[in-house]
């Protein structure tokens, strides 16, 4: 409890400083920066466990509430750009695996699962089963998310002219109390129900599915209140920073450095595909950038909300990417394990 109190105090201090300095996304970058600094300084920090997982349900509800009949009618328009996702993943594999093997000397399983832009926890679990190093995978994917989340707002504001000031939601006092209750129930039921049936990313996808059903049936008409979205940003920021707790100098100079270099590779590939999508008129430039940015699903959802991007477009592309990576990962894990036995 003491370690979590210290983590909370450090994150709150970061939020306050970023807020006073007028820096972008203080509730995300403040906790992330201060917890990252504390983790690298080997401060006795600790993540918030199920509280952080629960915070992600807020984003699931936010996405689900944004899925309206109008968004469903737009799905055929997204088909062409969604069809590029498998090609995007194939190119990442063809470039990323040799990059980690030849340049950084990773073994085969570790190189593959480090290259794949799936969920951090999923890639660590599947990679470990295939004989990869779980510590290396955690650091590489943690670095990927950290740098993508850090660089994306700068790119959005300076190259796309996208403001990061879009209203994230109405104040809690302005929303009907019964819709708040319904949203809270949808978050909990979707989260726990998703876990029970083995849904990957249950904390986000479960609430999203339940809330989307309620939105399409006209039961709810609002996104979660602004205060809830800010709380989600706070705990996501903490989680990214604390991920680097216990990093050694050797890991910084090899594993984290490899992760940083790979972010550059991924950024070039993502920029190419998002440029194709926007150039062909398949999607708005800002939405296309966020749809192909290989960051975490929760983090890209936050950025889509604060930029006012087409949330349905962004999340549909990320879901497609994650599904393809996760479905393919166990299959490849079995092939790798069989080859190693032979």
Protein backbone atom coordinates (compact mmCIF):
# COMPACT_ATOMS: atom_id res chain seq x y z
CA UNK A 1 0.00 0.00 0.00
CA UNK A 2 2.86 2.35 0.79
CA UNK A 3 4.40 1.80 -2.64
CA UNK A 4 1.09 2.50 -4.34
CA UNK A 5 0.58 5.66 -2.27
CA UNK A 6 4.02 6.84 -3.37
CA UNK A 7 3.15 6.05 -6.98
CA UNK A 8 -0.12 7.96 -6.70
CA UNK A 9 1.58 10.96 -5.09
CA UNK A 10 4.26 11.03 -7.78
CA UNK A 11 1.66 10.75 -10.55
CA UNK A 12 -0.47 13.48 -8.98
CA UNK A 13 2.57 15.76 -8.74
CA UNK A 14 3.29 15.17 -12.42
CA UNK A 15 -0.31 15.92 -13.34
CA UNK A 16 -0.25 19.13 -11.32
CA UNK A 17 3.01 20.35 -12.84
CA UNK A 18 1.93 19.61 -16.40
CA UNK A 19 -1.39 21.34 -15.71
CA UNK A 20 0.29 24.48 -14.31
CA UNK A 21 2.71 24.65 -17.23
CA UNK A 22 -0.12 24.31 -19.73
CA UNK A 23 1.40 21.21 -21.33
CA UNK A 24 -0.77 18.93 -23.48
CA UNK A 25 -2.70 16.05 -21.93
CA UNK A 26 -1.53 16.65 -18.33
CA UNK A 27 -3.56 13.75 -16.95
CA UNK A 28 -1.79 11.34 -19.32
CA UNK A 29 1.72 12.74 -19.74
CA UNK A 30 2.14 14.04 -16.19
CA UNK A 31 1.73 10.63 -14.50
CA UNK A 32 3.57 8.89 -17.32
CA UNK A 33 6.62 11.18 -17.13
CA UNK A 34 6.92 11.24 -13.35
CA UNK A 35 6.32 7.50 -12.91
CA UNK A 36 8.82 6.78 -15.69
CA UNK A 37 11.42 8.96 -13.96
CA UNK A 38 10.69 7.27 -10.63
CA UNK A 39 10.92 3.81 -12.17
CA UNK A 40 14.26 4.55 -13.83
CA UNK A 41 15.50 5.97 -10.49
CA UNK A 42 14.48 2.65 -8.87
CA UNK A 43 11.96 4.31 -6.56
CA UNK A 44 9.72 1.78 -4.73
CA UNK A 45 6.72 2.19 -7.04
CA UNK A 46 3.89 -0.23 -7.74
CA UNK A 47 1.08 -0.28 -10.28
CA UNK A 48 -2.58 -0.11 -9.31
CA UNK A 49 -3.60 -3.59 -10.42
CA UNK A 50 -7.32 -4.02 -10.96
CA UNK A 51 -7.92 -0.28 -10.48
CA UNK A 52 -5.92 0.38 -13.65
CA UNK A 53 -7.80 -2.38 -15.46
CA UNK A 54 -11.11 -0.89 -14.32
CA UNK A 55 -10.02 2.51 -15.64
CA UNK A 56 -9.73 1.01 -19.11
CA UNK A 57 -13.41 0.05 -19.01
CA UNK A 58 -14.18 3.78 -19.18
CA UNK A 59 -12.56 3.94 -22.60
CA UNK A 60 -14.49 0.86 -23.69
CA UNK A 61 -17.73 2.61 -22.72
CA UNK A 62 -16.59 5.79 -24.51
CA UNK A 63 -15.95 3.89 -27.73
CA UNK A 64 -19.17 1.92 -27.45
CA UNK A 65 -21.21 5.07 -26.88
CA UNK A 66 -19.69 6.52 -30.05
CA UNK A 67 -20.95 3.59 -32.14
CA UNK A 68 -24.23 4.88 -33.51
CA UNK A 69 -26.35 3.89 -36.52
CA UNK A 70 -24.47 6.59 -38.46
CA UNK A 71 -21.14 4.89 -37.70
CA UNK A 72 -22.52 1.48 -38.71
CA UNK A 73 -23.65 2.96 -42.02
CA UNK A 74 -20.06 4.09 -42.60
CA UNK A 75 -18.54 0.60 -42.21
CA UNK A 76 -18.60 -0.22 -45.94
CA UNK A 77 -16.60 2.96 -46.56
CA UNK A 78 -13.89 1.67 -44.19
CA UNK A 79 -13.60 -1.70 -45.93
CA UNK A 80 -10.86 -0.65 -48.35
CA UNK A 81 -8.58 0.78 -45.67
CA UNK A 82 -9.27 -2.13 -43.29
CA UNK A 83 -8.19 -4.46 -46.09
CA UNK A 84 -4.73 -2.88 -45.86
CA UNK A 85 -4.27 -4.02 -42.25
CA UNK A 86 -3.17 -7.62 -43.09
CA UNK A 87 -0.64 -6.21 -45.58
CA UNK A 88 0.54 -3.73 -42.94
CA UNK A 89 1.14 -6.56 -40.45
CA UNK A 90 2.90 -8.69 -43.08
CA UNK A 91 5.27 -5.83 -43.91
CA UNK A 92 5.95 -5.29 -40.21
CA UNK A 93 6.85 -8.97 -39.82
CA UNK A 94 9.09 -8.99 -42.89
CA UNK A 95 10.96 -5.91 -41.67
CA UNK A 96 10.74 -6.29 -37.89
CA UNK A 97 11.83 -9.89 -37.37
CA UNK A 98 15.12 -9.53 -39.31
CA UNK A 99 15.63 -6.16 -37.62
CA UNK A 100 15.61 -7.73 -34.15
CA UNK A 101 17.49 -10.87 -35.20
CA UNK A 102 20.23 -9.43 -37.41
CA UNK A 103 20.72 -6.01 -35.86
CA UNK A 104 20.08 -6.68 -32.17
CA UNK A 105 20.84 -10.39 -31.92
CA UNK A 106 17.49 -11.56 -30.51
CA UNK A 107 16.60 -15.23 -30.83
CA UNK A 108 13.85 -16.25 -33.26
CA UNK A 109 10.81 -16.37 -30.93
CA UNK A 110 11.81 -13.18 -29.12
CA UNK A 111 12.42 -11.38 -32.42
CA UNK A 112 8.99 -12.35 -33.78
CA UNK A 113 6.96 -11.42 -30.72
CA UNK A 114 8.94 -8.22 -30.23
CA UNK A 115 8.18 -7.20 -33.81
CA UNK A 116 4.44 -7.89 -33.70
CA UNK A 117 2.36 -4.81 -32.74
CA UNK A 118 -0.15 -6.63 -30.57
CA UNK A 119 -1.18 -6.04 -26.98
CA UNK A 120 1.72 -6.04 -24.52
CA UNK A 121 0.28 -8.71 -22.24
CA UNK A 122 -0.80 -10.95 -25.12
CA UNK A 123 2.61 -10.79 -26.81
CA UNK A 124 4.40 -11.56 -23.54
CA UNK A 125 2.15 -14.56 -22.82
CA UNK A 126 2.30 -16.04 -26.31
CA UNK A 127 6.00 -15.26 -26.66
CA UNK A 128 6.84 -16.94 -23.37
CA UNK A 129 4.98 -20.08 -24.47
CA UNK A 130 7.05 -20.05 -27.67
CA UNK A 131 10.33 -19.80 -25.76
CA UNK A 132 10.87 -16.03 -26.00
CA UNK A 133 12.22 -13.87 -23.17
CA UNK A 134 9.26 -12.34 -21.30
CA UNK A 135 11.39 -9.53 -19.81
CA UNK A 136 12.69 -8.49 -23.22
CA UNK A 137 9.20 -8.57 -24.74
CA UNK A 138 7.74 -6.49 -21.89
CA UNK A 139 10.44 -3.84 -22.26
CA UNK A 140 10.29 -3.68 -26.07
CA UNK A 141 6.50 -3.33 -26.16
CA UNK A 142 6.51 -0.97 -23.18
CA UNK A 143 9.03 1.20 -25.04
CA UNK A 144 6.91 1.05 -28.20
CA UNK A 145 3.82 2.28 -26.40
CA UNK A 146 5.75 4.92 -24.44
CA UNK A 147 7.36 6.51 -27.48
CA UNK A 148 4.35 6.25 -29.79
CA UNK A 149 2.16 7.90 -27.16
CA UNK A 150 4.80 10.58 -26.61
CA UNK A 151 5.47 11.32 -30.28
CA UNK A 152 1.91 11.04 -31.63
CA UNK A 153 0.57 14.28 -30.04
CA UNK A 154 3.58 16.23 -31.35
CA UNK A 155 3.06 14.83 -34.87
CA UNK A 156 -0.67 15.47 -34.73
CA UNK A 157 -0.32 19.09 -33.67
CA UNK A 158 2.72 20.08 -35.76
CA UNK A 159 2.24 18.09 -38.98
CA UNK A 160 -1.51 17.61 -39.12
CA UNK A 161 -2.58 20.80 -37.37
CA UNK A 162 -4.89 18.78 -35.14
CA UNK A 163 -5.73 20.46 -31.83
CA UNK A 164 -5.56 18.36 -28.68
CA UNK A 165 -8.34 20.37 -27.07
CA UNK A 166 -11.47 18.61 -28.29
CA UNK A 167 -13.98 18.31 -25.42
CA UNK A 168 -13.55 14.80 -24.04
CA UNK A 169 -17.02 14.71 -22.54
CA UNK A 170 -19.58 16.65 -20.59
CA UNK A 171 -19.10 17.28 -16.87
CA UNK A 172 -20.67 14.62 -14.69
CA UNK A 173 -23.16 17.16 -13.32
CA UNK A 174 -24.59 17.69 -16.82
CA UNK A 175 -25.38 14.04 -17.54
CA UNK A 176 -28.58 12.23 -16.53
CA UNK A 177 -27.95 10.18 -13.41
CA UNK A 178 -29.68 7.12 -14.83
CA UNK A 179 -27.39 7.08 -17.89
CA UNK A 180 -24.37 7.24 -15.57
CA UNK A 181 -25.71 4.20 -13.71
CA UNK A 182 -26.33 2.36 -16.99
CA UNK A 183 -22.81 3.17 -18.22
CA UNK A 184 -21.27 1.97 -14.96
CA UNK A 185 -23.24 -1.28 -15.18
CA UNK A 186 -22.24 -1.72 -18.83
CA UNK A 187 -18.58 -1.23 -17.89
CA UNK A 188 -18.67 -3.83 -15.12
CA UNK A 189 -20.82 -6.40 -16.91
CA UNK A 190 -18.87 -6.08 -20.14
CA UNK A 191 -15.52 -6.34 -18.35
CA UNK A 192 -16.31 -9.34 -16.15
CA UNK A 193 -18.49 -11.02 -18.73
CA UNK A 194 -15.72 -10.65 -21.29
CA UNK A 195 -13.21 -12.20 -18.90
CA UNK A 196 -15.55 -15.11 -18.20
CA UNK A 197 -15.85 -16.01 -21.89
CA UNK A 198 -12.12 -15.48 -22.52
CA UNK A 199 -12.48 -12.32 -24.61
CA UNK A 200 -9.07 -10.79 -25.34
CA UNK A 201 -8.80 -7.20 -24.13
CA UNK A 202 -11.93 -7.81 -22.04
CA UNK A 203 -11.57 -4.60 -20.02
CA UNK A 204 -12.04 -2.50 -23.17
CA UNK A 205 -13.82 -4.73 -25.68
CA UNK A 206 -16.40 -6.12 -23.24
CA UNK A 207 -17.71 -2.69 -22.14
CA UNK A 208 -17.48 -1.50 -25.74
CA UNK A 209 -19.71 -4.31 -27.00
CA UNK A 210 -22.31 -3.87 -24.25
CA UNK A 211 -22.36 -0.08 -24.57
CA UNK A 212 -22.51 -0.18 -28.37
CA UNK A 213 -25.59 -2.39 -28.09
CA UNK A 214 -27.18 0.12 -25.73
CA UNK A 215 -26.19 3.03 -27.97
CA UNK A 216 -27.59 1.42 -31.11
CA UNK A 217 -30.83 0.61 -29.31
CA UNK A 218 -31.22 4.20 -28.11
CA UNK A 219 -30.78 3.48 -24.39
CA UNK A 220 -27.80 5.79 -23.90
CA UNK A 221 -26.96 9.02 -25.70
CA UNK A 222 -23.78 10.30 -24.03
CA UNK A 223 -20.14 9.33 -23.58
CA UNK A 224 -18.76 8.91 -20.04
CA UNK A 225 -18.25 12.22 -18.20
CA UNK A 226 -15.05 14.21 -18.65
CA UNK A 227 -13.94 13.38 -15.11
CA UNK A 228 -14.05 9.65 -15.87
CA UNK A 229 -12.03 10.07 -19.10
CA UNK A 230 -9.40 12.06 -17.17
CA UNK A 231 -9.22 9.33 -14.52
CA UNK A 232 -8.66 6.74 -17.26
CA UNK A 233 -5.84 8.86 -18.68
CA UNK A 234 -4.26 9.15 -15.22
CA UNK A 235 -4.09 5.42 -14.56
CA UNK A 236 -2.99 4.61 -18.12
CA UNK A 237 -0.15 7.12 -17.75
CA UNK A 238 0.88 5.53 -14.44
CA UNK A 239 0.85 2.07 -15.99
CA UNK A 240 3.12 3.07 -18.88
CA UNK A 241 5.68 4.65 -16.55
CA UNK A 242 5.71 1.89 -13.92
CA UNK A 243 6.30 -0.67 -16.68
CA UNK A 244 9.99 0.35 -16.61
CA UNK A 245 10.47 -0.39 -12.91
CA UNK A 246 13.68 -2.32 -12.28
CA UNK A 247 15.27 -1.64 -15.67
CA UNK A 248 19.03 -2.17 -15.50
CA UNK A 249 21.71 -0.21 -17.34
CA UNK A 250 22.37 -3.21 -19.60
CA UNK A 251 18.68 -3.41 -20.50
CA UNK A 252 18.61 0.33 -21.20
CA UNK A 253 21.56 0.13 -23.57
CA UNK A 254 20.35 -2.98 -25.40
CA UNK A 255 16.69 -3.88 -25.02
CA UNK A 256 15.19 -0.41 -24.54
CA UNK A 257 17.51 0.98 -27.22
CA UNK A 258 16.28 -1.73 -29.59
CA UNK A 259 12.70 -0.75 -28.75
CA UNK A 260 13.41 2.92 -29.47
CA UNK A 261 15.06 2.09 -32.79
CA UNK A 262 12.12 -0.12 -33.72
CA UNK A 263 9.69 2.72 -33.02
CA UNK A 264 11.44 4.65 -35.79
CA UNK A 265 10.98 1.69 -38.17
CA UNK A 266 7.32 1.30 -37.22
CA UNK A 267 6.71 5.03 -37.57
CA UNK A 268 8.01 5.01 -41.14
CA UNK A 269 5.84 2.02 -42.04
CA UNK A 270 2.76 3.48 -40.34
CA UNK A 271 3.30 6.85 -42.03
CA UNK A 272 3.47 5.12 -45.39
CA UNK A 273 0.21 3.22 -44.92
CA UNK A 274 -1.66 6.15 -43.39
CA UNK A 275 -0.45 8.28 -46.31
CA UNK A 276 -1.84 5.73 -48.76
CA UNK A 277 -5.21 5.74 -46.96
CA UNK A 278 -5.51 9.52 -46.83
CA UNK A 279 -4.05 9.96 -50.34
CA UNK A 280 -6.65 7.62 -51.84
CA UNK A 281 -9.42 9.40 -49.95
CA UNK A 282 -10.20 6.33 -47.86
CA UNK A 283 -10.06 8.24 -44.60
CA UNK A 284 -9.41 11.60 -42.98
CA UNK A 285 -5.63 12.23 -42.53
CA UNK A 286 -5.82 12.51 -38.72
CA UNK A 287 -8.02 9.42 -38.37
CA UNK A 288 -5.78 7.49 -40.81
CA UNK A 289 -2.68 8.42 -38.81
CA UNK A 290 -4.25 7.26 -35.54
CA UNK A 291 -5.67 4.12 -37.18
CA UNK A 292 -2.24 2.92 -38.28
CA UNK A 293 -0.16 4.31 -35.39
CA UNK A 294 1.15 1.12 -33.68
CA UNK A 295 0.46 2.26 -30.13
CA UNK A 296 -1.73 0.69 -27.50
CA UNK A 297 -5.45 0.47 -28.15
CA UNK A 298 -6.33 2.42 -25.00
CA UNK A 299 -3.78 5.15 -25.68
CA UNK A 300 -4.88 5.64 -29.29
CA UNK A 301 -8.48 5.83 -28.10
CA UNK A 302 -7.54 8.70 -25.79
CA UNK A 303 -5.80 10.55 -28.63
CA UNK A 304 -8.76 9.98 -30.95
CA UNK A 305 -11.06 11.50 -28.33
CA UNK A 306 -8.92 14.60 -27.64
CA UNK A 307 -8.38 15.31 -31.35
CA UNK A 308 -12.01 14.77 -32.27
CA UNK A 309 -11.03 12.11 -34.83
CA UNK A 310 -13.49 9.56 -36.16
CA UNK A 311 -13.45 7.20 -33.17
CA UNK A 312 -15.26 4.42 -35.00
CA UNK A 313 -12.72 4.51 -37.85
CA UNK A 314 -9.72 4.48 -35.50
CA UNK A 315 -10.92 1.72 -33.18
CA UNK A 316 -12.13 -0.52 -36.02
CA UNK A 317 -8.66 -0.52 -37.57
CA UNK A 318 -6.93 -1.18 -34.24
CA UNK A 319 -9.31 -4.02 -33.44
CA UNK A 320 -8.60 -5.57 -36.83
CA UNK A 321 -4.84 -5.31 -36.25
CA UNK A 322 -5.03 -6.81 -32.76
CA UNK A 323 -7.34 -9.65 -33.83
CA UNK A 324 -5.06 -10.63 -36.71
CA UNK A 325 -1.93 -10.51 -34.53
CA UNK A 326 -3.50 -12.40 -31.62
CA UNK A 327 -5.16 -15.06 -33.76
CA UNK A 328 -1.95 -15.63 -35.69
CA UNK A 329 0.33 -15.62 -32.63
CA UNK A 330 -0.70 -18.99 -31.10
CA UNK A 331 -0.53 -20.65 -34.52
CA UNK A 332 2.99 -19.42 -35.09
CA UNK A 333 3.92 -20.25 -31.48
CA UNK A 334 3.01 -23.87 -32.17
CA UNK A 335 5.04 -23.92 -35.39
CA UNK A 336 8.07 -22.42 -33.64
CA UNK A 337 7.80 -24.89 -30.74
CA UNK A 338 7.46 -27.84 -33.15
CA UNK A 339 10.49 -26.71 -35.14
CA UNK A 340 12.56 -26.36 -31.96
CA UNK A 341 11.59 -29.90 -30.89
CA UNK A 342 12.55 -31.28 -34.28
